Amino acid sequence: QSDLEGEAFDKQSAPLITKRIVRPKIYTLVLLLIVYNFDALNPDLFSIGSKDGEIMFRISNIVSAILIFFIARLVIWVSTEIALASYYRRKNVDAGSRYAVNQLLKYFIFTIALLSAIESLGINLTLIWGGAAALLVGIGLGLQQTFNDLTCGFILLFERTVEIDDVVEFDGMIGTVKKIGVRTSLIETRDNITVIVPNSKLVGEYVINWSHYRERSRFRVLVGVAYGTDVEVVRKVLLQAADSHTQIMQRPQPFVQFADFGDSSLNFELHFWSRELMRIENVKSDLRFEIYRLFTENNIEIPFPQRDVWLRKEGN
């Protein structure tokens, strides 16, 4: 989180932010302007390249290119950390939307800065595009998957089917999206392992997003009891177990379904809603502990599969 977000940006923190971020940028800008002015006064001294003049760069051109990128970074910082951060706080914009807007703005500004820097060096962009056309075709064939990942990165930022802090499931893995880059995304699993995923997998493959439209989901715990058990008592005990857990929502209320008559048991399903999407297995485990404790208190038997075998002795 930026120093300018939330309550961190106040009158007390302003001098520290100025000293740590703004002041170095001002010093660098002044230094570049000094070099630029020396070059303007001494063009022969501050020039590099061949003597015949075919390839010649003045220091002022190079300084101009550096200044363009420097100003671009400054514009990005002011836009995202001050102007947009203030807007996000007022409108209560979610983290995923903040990240998408900030990234798209960064890519746009840096693209403009790159083109402007090339122009400042005296390089003809038309010649570059013409000569690079054939090269891009060859690179595109060799790096087809990379370009596919790059395209999918922009698709994710525009469509926002997957956002920062979303809990997703794919390839048998469940994790939280920590970063969406241009080519790859970072997902942190339940074991706190960071997985680098190509963006094409998040766009082109089957992905379950547990928190896309809402922060809660419905889950269930299966349990079987012995034949002859009072089913109303089972329902009451299961709901009691759900009510006792702090991570289980009471609205919508949990409910119990009589799922099936099994071979050795009466099968029930306890359905409940929870916002603890990433650690839901811990919630289920706690719930099973509580169910077992309540079953023991109420003399409810959990059966196990068994089979009776009759042996008949044939007479001689």
C-alpha atoms as a PDB file:
ATOM      1  CA  GLN A   1       0.000   0.000   0.000  1.00  0.00           C
ATOM      2  CA  SER A   2       1.290   3.446  -0.902  1.00  0.00           C
ATOM      3  CA  ASP A   3       2.152   6.025   1.723  1.00  0.00           C
ATOM      4  CA  LEU A   4      -0.445   8.235   0.096  1.00  0.00           C
ATOM      5  CA  GLU A   5      -3.320   5.820   0.522  1.00  0.00           C
ATOM      6  CA  GLY A   6      -5.666   5.564   3.457  1.00  0.00           C
ATOM      7  CA  GLU A   7      -4.856   7.422   6.642  1.00  0.00           C
ATOM      8  CA  ALA A   8      -1.096   7.359   6.077  1.00  0.00           C
ATOM      9  CA  PHE A   9      -1.183  10.531   4.008  1.00  0.00           C
ATOM     10  CA  ASP A  10      -1.606  13.329   6.553  1.00  0.00           C
ATOM     11  CA  LYS A  11       0.190  16.454   7.669  1.00  0.00           C
ATOM     12  CA  GLN A  12       2.668  14.496   9.765  1.00  0.00           C
ATOM     13  CA  SER A  13       3.681  12.086   6.998  1.00  0.00           C
ATOM     14  CA  ALA A  14       3.837  14.737   4.245  1.00  0.00           C
ATOM     15  CA  PRO A  15       7.413  15.933   5.104  1.00  0.00           C
ATOM     16  CA  LEU A  16       8.682  12.346   5.140  1.00  0.00           C
ATOM     17  CA  ILE A  17       7.094  11.618   1.764  1.00  0.00           C
ATOM     18  CA  THR A  18       8.549  14.821   0.327  1.00  0.00           C
ATOM     19  CA  LYS A  19      12.015  13.950   1.592  1.00  0.00           C
ATOM     20  CA  ARG A  20      11.948  10.323   0.440  1.00  0.00           C
ATOM     21  CA  ILE A  21      10.198  10.606  -2.941  1.00  0.00           C
ATOM     22  CA  VAL A  22       9.748  14.124  -4.255  1.00  0.00           C
ATOM     23  CA  ARG A  23      13.106  15.669  -3.337  1.00  0.00           C
ATOM     24  CA  PRO A  24      15.319  13.069  -5.149  1.00  0.00           C
ATOM     25  CA  LYS A  25      13.238  13.549  -8.288  1.00  0.00           C
ATOM     26  CA  ILE A  26      13.731  17.327  -8.149  1.00  0.00           C
ATOM     27  CA  TYR A  27      17.518  16.966  -7.683  1.00  0.00           C
ATOM     28  CA  THR A  28      17.731  14.601 -10.633  1.00  0.00           C
ATOM     29  CA  LEU A  29      15.684  16.935 -12.798  1.00  0.00           C
ATOM     30  CA  VAL A  30      17.945  19.908 -11.961  1.00  0.00           C
ATOM     31  CA  LEU A  31      21.071  17.868 -12.761  1.00  0.00           C
ATOM     32  CA  LEU A  32      19.714  16.829 -16.142  1.00  0.00           C
ATOM     33  CA  LEU A  33      18.777  20.422 -16.981  1.00  0.00           C
ATOM     34  CA  ILE A  34      22.328  21.593 -16.129  1.00  0.00           C
ATOM     35  CA  VAL A  35      23.835  19.014 -18.468  1.00  0.00           C
ATOM     36  CA  TYR A  36      21.336  19.987 -21.137  1.00  0.00           C
ATOM     37  CA  ASN A  37      22.302  23.657 -20.901  1.00  0.00           C
ATOM     38  CA  PHE A  38      26.037  22.895 -21.113  1.00  0.00           C
ATOM     39  CA  ASP A  39      25.354  20.917 -24.274  1.00  0.00           C
ATOM     40  CA  ALA A  40      23.450  23.831 -25.787  1.00  0.00           C
ATOM     41  CA  LEU A  41      26.448  26.116 -25.162  1.00  0.00           C
ATOM     42  CA  ASN A  42      29.062  23.616 -26.413  1.00  0.00           C
ATOM     43  CA  PRO A  43      27.493  21.471 -29.169  1.00  0.00           C
ATOM     44  CA  ASP A  44      30.829  20.165 -30.483  1.00  0.00           C
ATOM     45  CA  LEU A  45      32.121  19.188 -27.062  1.00  0.00           C
ATOM     46  CA  PHE A  46      28.901  17.421 -26.056  1.00  0.00           C
ATOM     47  CA  SER A  47      28.429  15.337 -29.228  1.00  0.00           C
ATOM     48  CA  ILE A  48      29.193  11.691 -29.848  1.00  0.00           C
ATOM     49  CA  GLY A  49      29.192   9.668 -33.073  1.00  0.00           C
ATOM     50  CA  SER A  50      31.108   9.257 -36.307  1.00  0.00           C
ATOM     51  CA  LYS A  51      33.065  12.087 -37.860  1.00  0.00           C
ATOM     52  CA  ASP A  52      31.251  11.931 -41.170  1.00  0.00           C
ATOM     53  CA  GLY A  53      28.035  12.836 -39.383  1.00  0.00           C
ATOM     54  CA  GLU A  54      26.101   9.818 -40.513  1.00  0.00           C
ATOM     55  CA  ILE A  55      25.523   8.777 -36.919  1.00  0.00           C
ATOM     56  CA  MET A  56      25.606  11.656 -34.484  1.00  0.00           C
ATOM     57  CA  PHE A  57      23.955  12.065 -31.115  1.00  0.00           C
ATOM     58  CA  ARG A  58      24.227  15.206 -29.086  1.00  0.00           C
ATOM     59  CA  ILE A  59      24.272  14.935 -25.344  1.00  0.00           C
ATOM     60  CA  SER A  60      21.213  17.148 -25.282  1.00  0.00           C
ATOM     61  CA  ASN A  61      19.319  14.551 -27.314  1.00  0.00           C
ATOM     62  CA  ILE A  62      20.253  11.802 -24.881  1.00  0.00           C
ATOM     63  CA  VAL A  63      19.409  14.016 -21.916  1.00  0.00           C
ATOM     64  CA  SER A  64      16.071  14.829 -23.553  1.00  0.00           C
ATOM     65  CA  ALA A  65      15.291  11.121 -23.886  1.00  0.00           C
ATOM     66  CA  ILE A  66      16.183  10.549 -20.234  1.00  0.00           C
ATOM     67  CA  LEU A  67      14.094  13.551 -19.232  1.00  0.00           C
ATOM     68  CA  ILE A  68      11.120  12.176 -21.125  1.00  0.00           C
ATOM     69  CA  PHE A  69      11.240   8.886 -19.208  1.00  0.00           C
ATOM     70  CA  PHE A  70      11.883  10.747 -15.965  1.00  0.00           C
ATOM     71  CA  ILE A  71       8.881  13.000 -16.521  1.00  0.00           C
ATOM     72  CA  ALA A  72       6.802   9.980 -17.552  1.00  0.00           C
ATOM     73  CA  ARG A  73       7.590   8.259 -14.245  1.00  0.00           C
ATOM     74  CA  LEU A  74       6.794  11.456 -12.383  1.00  0.00           C
ATOM     75  CA  VAL A  75       3.470  11.802 -14.191  1.00  0.00           C
ATOM     76  CA  ILE A  76       2.619   8.173 -13.401  1.00  0.00           C
ATOM     77  CA  TRP A  77       3.501   8.667  -9.739  1.00  0.00           C
ATOM     78  CA  VAL A  78       1.446  11.848  -9.397  1.00  0.00           C
ATOM     79  CA  SER A  79      -1.487  10.314 -11.297  1.00  0.00           C
ATOM     80  CA  THR A  80      -1.654   7.000  -9.447  1.00  0.00           C
ATOM     81  CA  GLU A  81      -0.450   7.950  -5.977  1.00  0.00           C
ATOM     82  CA  ILE A  82      -2.112  11.343  -5.572  1.00  0.00           C
ATOM     83  CA  ALA A  83      -4.903  12.071  -8.061  1.00  0.00           C
ATOM     84  CA  LEU A  84      -6.274   8.568  -8.561  1.00  0.00           C
ATOM     85  CA  ALA A  85      -5.566   7.464  -4.969  1.00  0.00           C
ATOM     86  CA  SER A  86      -7.718  10.317  -3.706  1.00  0.00           C
ATOM     87  CA  TYR A  87     -10.472   9.393  -6.155  1.00  0.00           C
ATOM     88  CA  TYR A  88     -10.298   5.733  -5.119  1.00  0.00           C
ATOM     89  CA  ARG A  89     -10.751   6.650  -1.463  1.00  0.00           C
ATOM     90  CA  ARG A  90     -13.731   8.902  -2.152  1.00  0.00           C
ATOM     91  CA  LYS A  91     -15.494   6.380  -4.383  1.00  0.00           C
ATOM     92  CA  ASN A  92     -14.406   3.320  -2.342  1.00  0.00           C
ATOM     93  CA  VAL A  93     -13.002   1.610  -5.452  1.00  0.00           C
ATOM     94  CA  ASP A  94     -11.994  -2.026  -4.916  1.00  0.00           C
ATOM     95  CA  ALA A  95      -8.371  -3.153  -5.122  1.00  0.00           C
ATOM     96  CA  GLY A  96      -8.854  -5.034  -8.405  1.00  0.00           C
ATOM     97  CA  SER A  97     -10.228  -1.973 -10.196  1.00  0.00           C
ATOM     98  CA  ARG A  98      -7.439   0.195  -8.794  1.00  0.00           C
ATOM     99  CA  TYR A  99      -4.785  -2.171 -10.077  1.00  0.00           C
ATOM    100  CA  ALA A 100      -6.327  -2.470 -13.558  1.00  0.00           C
ATOM    101  CA  VAL A 101      -6.658   1.297 -14.049  1.00  0.00           C
ATOM    102  CA  ASN A 102      -3.152   2.001 -12.716  1.00  0.00           C
ATOM    103  CA  GLN A 103      -1.523  -0.643 -14.918  1.00  0.00           C
ATOM    104  CA  LEU A 104      -3.303   0.493 -18.088  1.00  0.00           C
ATOM    105  CA  LEU A 105      -2.327   4.106 -17.356  1.00  0.00           C
ATOM    106  CA  LYS A 106       1.320   3.091 -16.826  1.00  0.00           C
ATOM    107  CA  TYR A 107       1.465   1.158 -20.101  1.00  0.00           C
ATOM    108  CA  PHE A 108      -0.105   4.040 -22.018  1.00  0.00           C
ATOM    109  CA  ILE A 109       2.228   6.707 -20.597  1.00  0.00           C
ATOM    110  CA  PHE A 110       5.363   4.591 -21.052  1.00  0.00           C
ATOM    111  CA  THR A 111       4.399   3.848 -24.668  1.00  0.00           C
ATOM    112  CA  ILE A 112       4.036   7.567 -25.401  1.00  0.00           C
ATOM    113  CA  ALA A 113       7.323   8.246 -23.580  1.00  0.00           C
ATOM    114  CA  LEU A 114       9.180   5.592 -25.595  1.00  0.00           C
ATOM    115  CA  LEU A 115       8.016   7.022 -28.917  1.00  0.00           C
ATOM    116  CA  SER A 116       8.836  10.568 -27.805  1.00  0.00           C
ATOM    117  CA  ALA A 117      12.305   9.512 -26.614  1.00  0.00           C
ATOM    118  CA  ILE A 118      13.079   7.923 -29.972  1.00  0.00           C
ATOM    119  CA  GLU A 119      11.976  11.111 -31.735  1.00  0.00           C
ATOM    120  CA  SER A 120      14.154  13.213 -29.428  1.00  0.00           C
ATOM    121  CA  LEU A 121      17.215  11.180 -30.452  1.00  0.00           C
ATOM    122  CA  GLY A 122      16.614  12.200 -34.047  1.00  0.00           C
ATOM    123  CA  ILE A 123      15.635   8.732 -35.198  1.00  0.00           C
ATOM    124  CA  ASN A 124      12.992   8.559 -37.911  1.00  0.00           C
ATOM    125  CA  LEU A 125      10.108   6.462 -36.597  1.00  0.00           C
ATOM    126  CA  THR A 126       8.851   5.747 -40.118  1.00  0.00           C
ATOM    127  CA  LEU A 127      12.099   4.007 -41.028  1.00  0.00           C
ATOM    128  CA  ILE A 128      12.008   2.039 -37.791  1.00  0.00           C
ATOM    129  CA  TRP A 129       8.468   0.793 -38.380  1.00  0.00           C
ATOM    130  CA  GLY A 130       9.262  -0.125 -41.970  1.00  0.00           C
ATOM    131  CA  GLY A 131      12.420  -2.018 -41.111  1.00  0.00           C
ATOM    132  CA  ALA A 132      10.874  -3.678 -38.073  1.00  0.00           C
ATOM    133  CA  ALA A 133       7.868  -5.045 -39.933  1.00  0.00           C
ATOM    134  CA  ALA A 134       9.697  -8.052 -41.341  1.00  0.00           C
ATOM    135  CA  LEU A 135      11.565  -8.546 -38.068  1.00  0.00           C
ATOM    136  CA  LEU A 136       8.324  -8.541 -36.086  1.00  0.00           C
ATOM    137  CA  VAL A 137       6.889 -11.240 -38.352  1.00  0.00           C
ATOM    138  CA  GLY A 138       9.871 -13.488 -37.670  1.00  0.00           C
ATOM    139  CA  ILE A 139       9.831 -12.759 -33.958  1.00  0.00           C
ATOM    140  CA  GLY A 140       6.086 -13.333 -33.871  1.00  0.00           C
ATOM    141  CA  LEU A 141       6.479 -16.818 -35.300  1.00  0.00           C
ATOM    142  CA  GLY A 142       9.233 -17.718 -32.858  1.00  0.00           C
ATOM    143  CA  LEU A 143       7.620 -16.092 -29.822  1.00  0.00           C
ATOM    144  CA  GLN A 144       4.012 -16.853 -30.625  1.00  0.00           C
ATOM    145  CA  GLN A 145       3.229 -18.102 -27.118  1.00  0.00           C
ATOM    146  CA  THR A 146       4.873 -15.058 -25.542  1.00  0.00           C
ATOM    147  CA  PHE A 147       2.802 -12.680 -27.644  1.00  0.00           C
ATOM    148  CA  ASN A 148      -0.262 -14.730 -26.766  1.00  0.00           C
ATOM    149  CA  ASP A 149       0.500 -14.253 -23.070  1.00  0.00           C
ATOM    150  CA  LEU A 150       1.028 -10.511 -23.612  1.00  0.00           C
ATOM    151  CA  THR A 151      -2.322 -10.207 -25.383  1.00  0.00           C
ATOM    152  CA  CYS A 152      -4.047 -12.184 -22.641  1.00  0.00           C
ATOM    153  CA  GLY A 153      -2.501  -9.873 -20.041  1.00  0.00           C
ATOM    154  CA  PHE A 154      -4.259  -6.888 -21.586  1.00  0.00           C
ATOM    155  CA  ILE A 155      -7.470  -8.906 -21.916  1.00  0.00           C
ATOM    156  CA  LEU A 156      -7.381  -9.617 -18.176  1.00  0.00           C
ATOM    157  CA  LEU A 157      -6.864  -5.936 -17.379  1.00  0.00           C
ATOM    158  CA  PHE A 158      -9.696  -4.824 -19.682  1.00  0.00           C
ATOM    159  CA  GLU A 159     -12.280  -7.573 -19.036  1.00  0.00           C
ATOM    160  CA  ARG A 160     -11.380  -8.010 -15.335  1.00  0.00           C
ATOM    161  CA  THR A 161     -12.549 -11.606 -15.256  1.00  0.00           C
ATOM    162  CA  VAL A 162      -9.685 -12.192 -12.813  1.00  0.00           C
ATOM    163  CA  GLU A 163      -8.600  -9.425 -10.453  1.00  0.00           C
ATOM    164  CA  ILE A 164      -6.180  -8.864  -7.605  1.00  0.00           C
ATOM    165  CA  ASP A 165      -7.123 -10.744  -4.397  1.00  0.00           C
ATOM    166  CA  ASP A 166      -9.542 -13.032  -6.278  1.00  0.00           C
ATOM    167  CA  VAL A 167      -9.551 -16.668  -5.163  1.00  0.00           C
ATOM    168  CA  VAL A 168      -9.249 -18.846  -8.270  1.00  0.00           C
ATOM    169  CA  GLU A 169      -9.076 -22.563  -8.951  1.00  0.00           C
ATOM    170  CA  PHE A 170      -7.551 -24.232 -12.004  1.00  0.00           C
ATOM    171  CA  ASP A 171      -5.390 -27.272 -12.749  1.00  0.00           C
ATOM    172  CA  GLY A 172      -6.349 -28.658  -9.329  1.00  0.00           C
ATOM    173  CA  MET A 173      -4.812 -25.648  -7.564  1.00  0.00           C
ATOM    174  CA  ILE A 174      -6.526 -22.985  -5.447  1.00  0.00           C
ATOM    175  CA  GLY A 175      -4.867 -19.668  -4.693  1.00  0.00           C
ATOM    176  CA  THR A 176      -5.156 -15.911  -4.353  1.00  0.00           C
ATOM    177  CA  VAL A 177      -4.173 -13.645  -7.258  1.00  0.00           C
ATOM    178  CA  LYS A 178      -1.396 -11.366  -6.003  1.00  0.00           C
ATOM    179  CA  LYS A 179      -0.290  -9.701  -9.242  1.00  0.00           C
ATOM    180  CA  ILE A 180      -1.401  -9.518 -12.863  1.00  0.00           C
ATOM    181  CA  GLY A 181       1.534  -8.637 -15.094  1.00  0.00           C
ATOM    182  CA  VAL A 182       1.751  -8.079 -18.819  1.00  0.00           C
ATOM    183  CA  ARG A 183       2.853 -11.662 -19.541  1.00  0.00           C
ATOM    184  CA  THR A 184       2.421 -13.626 -16.306  1.00  0.00           C
ATOM    185  CA  SER A 185       0.433 -13.486 -13.090  1.00  0.00           C
ATOM    186  CA  LEU A 186       1.409 -14.437  -9.543  1.00  0.00           C
ATOM    187  CA  ILE A 187      -0.879 -16.705  -7.529  1.00  0.00           C
ATOM    188  CA  GLU A 188      -0.274 -17.617  -3.884  1.00  0.00           C
ATOM    189  CA  THR A 189      -1.562 -21.060  -2.917  1.00  0.00           C
ATOM    190  CA  ARG A 190      -2.909 -22.217   0.437  1.00  0.00           C
ATOM    191  CA  ASP A 191       0.582 -23.464   1.269  1.00  0.00           C
ATOM    192  CA  ASN A 192       1.971 -19.914   0.773  1.00  0.00           C
ATOM    193  CA  ILE A 193       3.705 -21.014  -2.433  1.00  0.00           C
ATOM    194  CA  THR A 194       3.871 -18.409  -5.196  1.00  0.00           C
ATOM    195  CA  VAL A 195       3.048 -19.863  -8.613  1.00  0.00           C
ATOM    196  CA  ILE A 196       3.931 -17.970 -11.800  1.00  0.00           C
ATOM    197  CA  VAL A 197       1.105 -18.553 -14.280  1.00  0.00           C
ATOM    198  CA  PRO A 198       1.126 -17.482 -17.958  1.00  0.00           C
ATOM    199  CA  ASN A 199      -1.816 -15.176 -18.614  1.00  0.00           C
ATOM    200  CA  SER A 200      -2.989 -17.380 -21.483  1.00  0.00           C
ATOM    201  CA  LYS A 201      -3.922 -20.062 -18.947  1.00  0.00           C
ATOM    202  CA  LEU A 202      -6.159 -17.647 -17.046  1.00  0.00           C
ATOM    203  CA  VAL A 203      -7.864 -16.546 -20.270  1.00  0.00           C
ATOM    204  CA  GLY A 204      -8.013 -19.648 -22.442  1.00  0.00           C
ATOM    205  CA  GLU A 205      -8.535 -22.441 -19.905  1.00  0.00           C
ATOM    206  CA  TYR A 206     -11.292 -23.415 -17.493  1.00  0.00           C
ATOM    207  CA  VAL A 207     -10.889 -21.259 -14.372  1.00  0.00           C
ATOM    208  CA  ILE A 208     -13.170 -21.114 -11.332  1.00  0.00           C
ATOM    209  CA  ASN A 209     -13.233 -17.669  -9.735  1.00  0.00           C
ATOM    210  CA  TRP A 210     -14.668 -18.106  -6.244  1.00  0.00           C
ATOM    211  CA  SER A 211     -14.872 -14.380  -5.553  1.00  0.00           C
ATOM    212  CA  HIS A 212     -15.642 -12.805  -8.927  1.00  0.00           C
ATOM    213  CA  TYR A 213     -19.009 -11.184  -8.176  1.00  0.00           C
ATOM    214  CA  ARG A 214     -19.266 -11.625  -4.414  1.00  0.00           C
ATOM    215  CA  GLU A 215     -17.003 -12.336  -1.472  1.00  0.00           C
ATOM    216  CA  ARG A 216     -18.960 -15.326  -0.203  1.00  0.00           C
ATOM    217  CA  SER A 217     -19.611 -18.829  -1.503  1.00  0.00           C
ATOM    218  CA  ARG A 218     -21.621 -21.848  -0.417  1.00  0.00           C
ATOM    219  CA  PHE A 219     -19.890 -24.990   0.790  1.00  0.00           C
ATOM    220  CA  ARG A 220     -20.973 -28.310   2.230  1.00  0.00           C
ATOM    221  CA  VAL A 221     -19.844 -30.995   4.649  1.00  0.00           C
ATOM    222  CA  LEU A 222     -20.968 -34.611   4.176  1.00  0.00           C
ATOM    223  CA  VAL A 223     -21.746 -36.896   7.102  1.00  0.00           C
ATOM    224  CA  GLY A 224     -23.433 -40.278   7.532  1.00  0.00           C
ATOM    225  CA  VAL A 225     -25.288 -41.705  10.549  1.00  0.00           C
ATOM    226  CA  ALA A 226     -26.437 -45.201  11.392  1.00  0.00           C
ATOM    227  CA  TYR A 227     -29.841 -46.486  10.344  1.00  0.00           C
ATOM    228  CA  GLY A 228     -32.389 -46.032  13.115  1.00  0.00           C
ATOM    229  CA  THR A 229     -31.065 -42.621  14.175  1.00  0.00           C
ATOM    230  CA  ASP A 230     -33.626 -39.857  14.721  1.00  0.00           C
ATOM    231  CA  VAL A 231     -33.126 -37.685  11.613  1.00  0.00           C
ATOM    232  CA  GLU A 232     -34.585 -34.578  13.283  1.00  0.00           C
ATOM    233  CA  VAL A 233     -31.985 -34.821  16.024  1.00  0.00           C
ATOM    234  CA  VAL A 234     -29.297 -35.094  13.336  1.00  0.00           C
ATOM    235  CA  ARG A 235     -30.605 -31.963  11.631  1.00  0.00           C
ATOM    236  CA  LYS A 236     -30.643 -30.056  14.930  1.00  0.00           C
ATOM    237  CA  VAL A 237     -27.101 -31.124  15.841  1.00  0.00           C
ATOM    238  CA  LEU A 238     -25.662 -30.220  12.425  1.00  0.00           C
ATOM    239  CA  LEU A 239     -27.216 -26.749  12.521  1.00  0.00           C
ATOM    240  CA  GLN A 240     -25.944 -26.294  16.071  1.00  0.00           C
ATOM    241  CA  ALA A 241     -22.416 -27.089  14.871  1.00  0.00           C
ATOM    242  CA  ALA A 242     -22.715 -24.553  12.053  1.00  0.00           C
ATOM    243  CA  ASP A 243     -24.045 -21.852  14.383  1.00  0.00           C
ATOM    244  CA  SER A 244     -21.063 -22.216  16.694  1.00  0.00           C
ATOM    245  CA  HIS A 245     -18.433 -21.357  14.075  1.00  0.00           C
ATOM    246  CA  THR A 246     -17.519 -17.687  13.707  1.00  0.00           C
ATOM    247  CA  GLN A 247     -16.459 -18.029  10.034  1.00  0.00           C
ATOM    248  CA  ILE A 248     -19.856 -19.407   8.960  1.00  0.00           C
ATOM    249  CA  MET A 249     -22.418 -16.796   7.938  1.00  0.00           C
ATOM    250  CA  GLN A 250     -25.854 -16.863   9.534  1.00  0.00           C
ATOM    251  CA  ARG A 251     -27.456 -14.982   6.661  1.00  0.00           C
ATOM    252  CA  PRO A 252     -28.079 -16.822   4.439  1.00  0.00           C
ATOM    253  CA  GLN A 253     -28.733 -19.436   7.085  1.00  0.00           C
ATOM    254  CA  PRO A 254     -27.078 -22.862   6.976  1.00  0.00           C
ATOM    255  CA  PHE A 255     -29.392 -25.744   6.095  1.00  0.00           C
ATOM    256  CA  VAL A 256     -29.322 -29.536   6.117  1.00  0.00           C
ATOM    257  CA  GLN A 257     -30.297 -31.880   3.274  1.00  0.00           C
ATOM    258  CA  PHE A 258     -31.114 -35.567   3.631  1.00  0.00           C
ATOM    259  CA  ALA A 259     -28.955 -36.616   0.695  1.00  0.00           C
ATOM    260  CA  ASP A 260     -29.500 -40.365   0.301  1.00  0.00           C
ATOM    261  CA  PHE A 261     -30.084 -43.784   1.813  1.00  0.00           C
ATOM    262  CA  GLY A 262     -26.610 -45.280   1.655  1.00  0.00           C
ATOM    263  CA  ASP A 263     -25.558 -48.907   1.851  1.00  0.00           C
ATOM    264  CA  SER A 264     -24.510 -48.552   5.478  1.00  0.00           C
ATOM    265  CA  SER A 265     -25.679 -45.083   6.523  1.00  0.00           C
ATOM    266  CA  LEU A 266     -28.198 -42.274   6.211  1.00  0.00           C
ATOM    267  CA  ASN A 267     -26.305 -39.543   4.345  1.00  0.00           C
ATOM    268  CA  PHE A 268     -26.729 -35.848   5.167  1.00  0.00           C
ATOM    269  CA  GLU A 269     -25.238 -32.658   3.716  1.00  0.00           C
ATOM    270  CA  LEU A 270     -24.674 -29.535   5.808  1.00  0.00           C
ATOM    271  CA  HIS A 271     -24.693 -26.475   3.535  1.00  0.00           C
ATOM    272  CA  PHE A 272     -23.334 -23.118   4.700  1.00  0.00           C
ATOM    273  CA  TRP A 273     -21.973 -19.817   3.397  1.00  0.00           C
ATOM    274  CA  SER A 274     -18.601 -18.354   4.274  1.00  0.00           C
ATOM    275  CA  ARG A 275     -16.336 -15.475   3.256  1.00  0.00           C
ATOM    276  CA  GLU A 276     -13.244 -17.446   4.251  1.00  0.00           C
ATOM    277  CA  LEU A 277     -12.700 -18.631   0.670  1.00  0.00           C
ATOM    278  CA  MET A 278      -8.959 -19.173   0.823  1.00  0.00           C
ATOM    279  CA  ARG A 279      -8.939 -21.080   4.138  1.00  0.00           C
ATOM    280  CA  ILE A 280     -12.247 -22.879   3.749  1.00  0.00           C
ATOM    281  CA  GLU A 281     -10.655 -26.287   4.367  1.00  0.00           C
ATOM    282  CA  ASN A 282      -9.736 -25.113   7.870  1.00  0.00           C
ATOM    283  CA  VAL A 283     -13.358 -24.086   8.425  1.00  0.00           C
ATOM    284  CA  LYS A 284     -14.575 -27.499   7.256  1.00  0.00           C
ATOM    285  CA  SER A 285     -12.081 -29.229   9.518  1.00  0.00           C
ATOM    286  CA  ASP A 286     -13.248 -27.248  12.563  1.00  0.00           C
ATOM    287  CA  LEU A 287     -16.820 -28.031  11.628  1.00  0.00           C
ATOM    288  CA  ARG A 288     -16.142 -31.776  11.469  1.00  0.00           C
ATOM    289  CA  PHE A 289     -14.480 -31.665  14.888  1.00  0.00           C
ATOM    290  CA  GLU A 290     -17.556 -29.964  16.329  1.00  0.00           C
ATOM    291  CA  ILE A 291     -19.948 -32.375  14.594  1.00  0.00           C
ATOM    292  CA  TYR A 292     -18.091 -35.369  15.987  1.00  0.00           C
ATOM    293  CA  ARG A 293     -18.171 -33.883  19.492  1.00  0.00           C
ATOM    294  CA  LEU A 294     -21.907 -33.200  19.318  1.00  0.00           C
ATOM    295  CA  PHE A 295     -22.608 -36.641  17.853  1.00  0.00           C
ATOM    296  CA  THR A 296     -20.782 -38.208  20.785  1.00  0.00           C
ATOM    297  CA  GLU A 297     -22.769 -36.127  23.293  1.00  0.00           C
ATOM    298  CA  ASN A 298     -26.062 -37.108  21.669  1.00  0.00           C
ATOM    299  CA  ASN A 299     -25.164 -40.793  21.174  1.00  0.00           C
ATOM    300  CA  ILE A 300     -25.371 -40.527  17.381  1.00  0.00           C
ATOM    301  CA  GLU A 301     -23.399 -43.294  15.726  1.00  0.00           C
ATOM    302  CA  ILE A 302     -21.299 -42.745  12.624  1.00  0.00           C
ATOM    303  CA  PRO A 303     -21.340 -46.144  10.871  1.00  0.00           C
ATOM    304  CA  PHE A 304     -18.671 -47.791   8.806  1.00  0.00           C
ATOM    305  CA  PRO A 305     -19.181 -50.181   5.897  1.00  0.00           C
ATOM    306  CA  GLN A 306     -19.633 -53.751   7.024  1.00  0.00           C
ATOM    307  CA  ARG A 307     -20.831 -57.012   5.490  1.00  0.00           C
ATOM    308  CA  ASP A 308     -22.117 -60.213   7.057  1.00  0.00           C
ATOM    309  CA  VAL A 309     -20.795 -63.437   5.518  1.00  0.00           C
ATOM    310  CA  TRP A 310     -22.673 -66.737   6.069  1.00  0.00           C
ATOM    311  CA  LEU A 311     -20.773 -69.976   5.631  1.00  0.00           C
ATOM    312  CA  ARG A 312     -22.859 -73.052   4.909  1.00  0.00           C
ATOM    313  CA  LYS A 313     -21.428 -76.490   5.532  1.00  0.00           C
ATOM    314  CA  GLU A 314     -22.422 -79.043   2.939  1.00  0.00           C
ATOM    315  CA  GLY A 315     -23.268 -82.532   4.155  1.00  0.00           C
ATOM    316  CA  ASN A 316     -21.225 -85.511   3.036  1.00  0.00           C
END
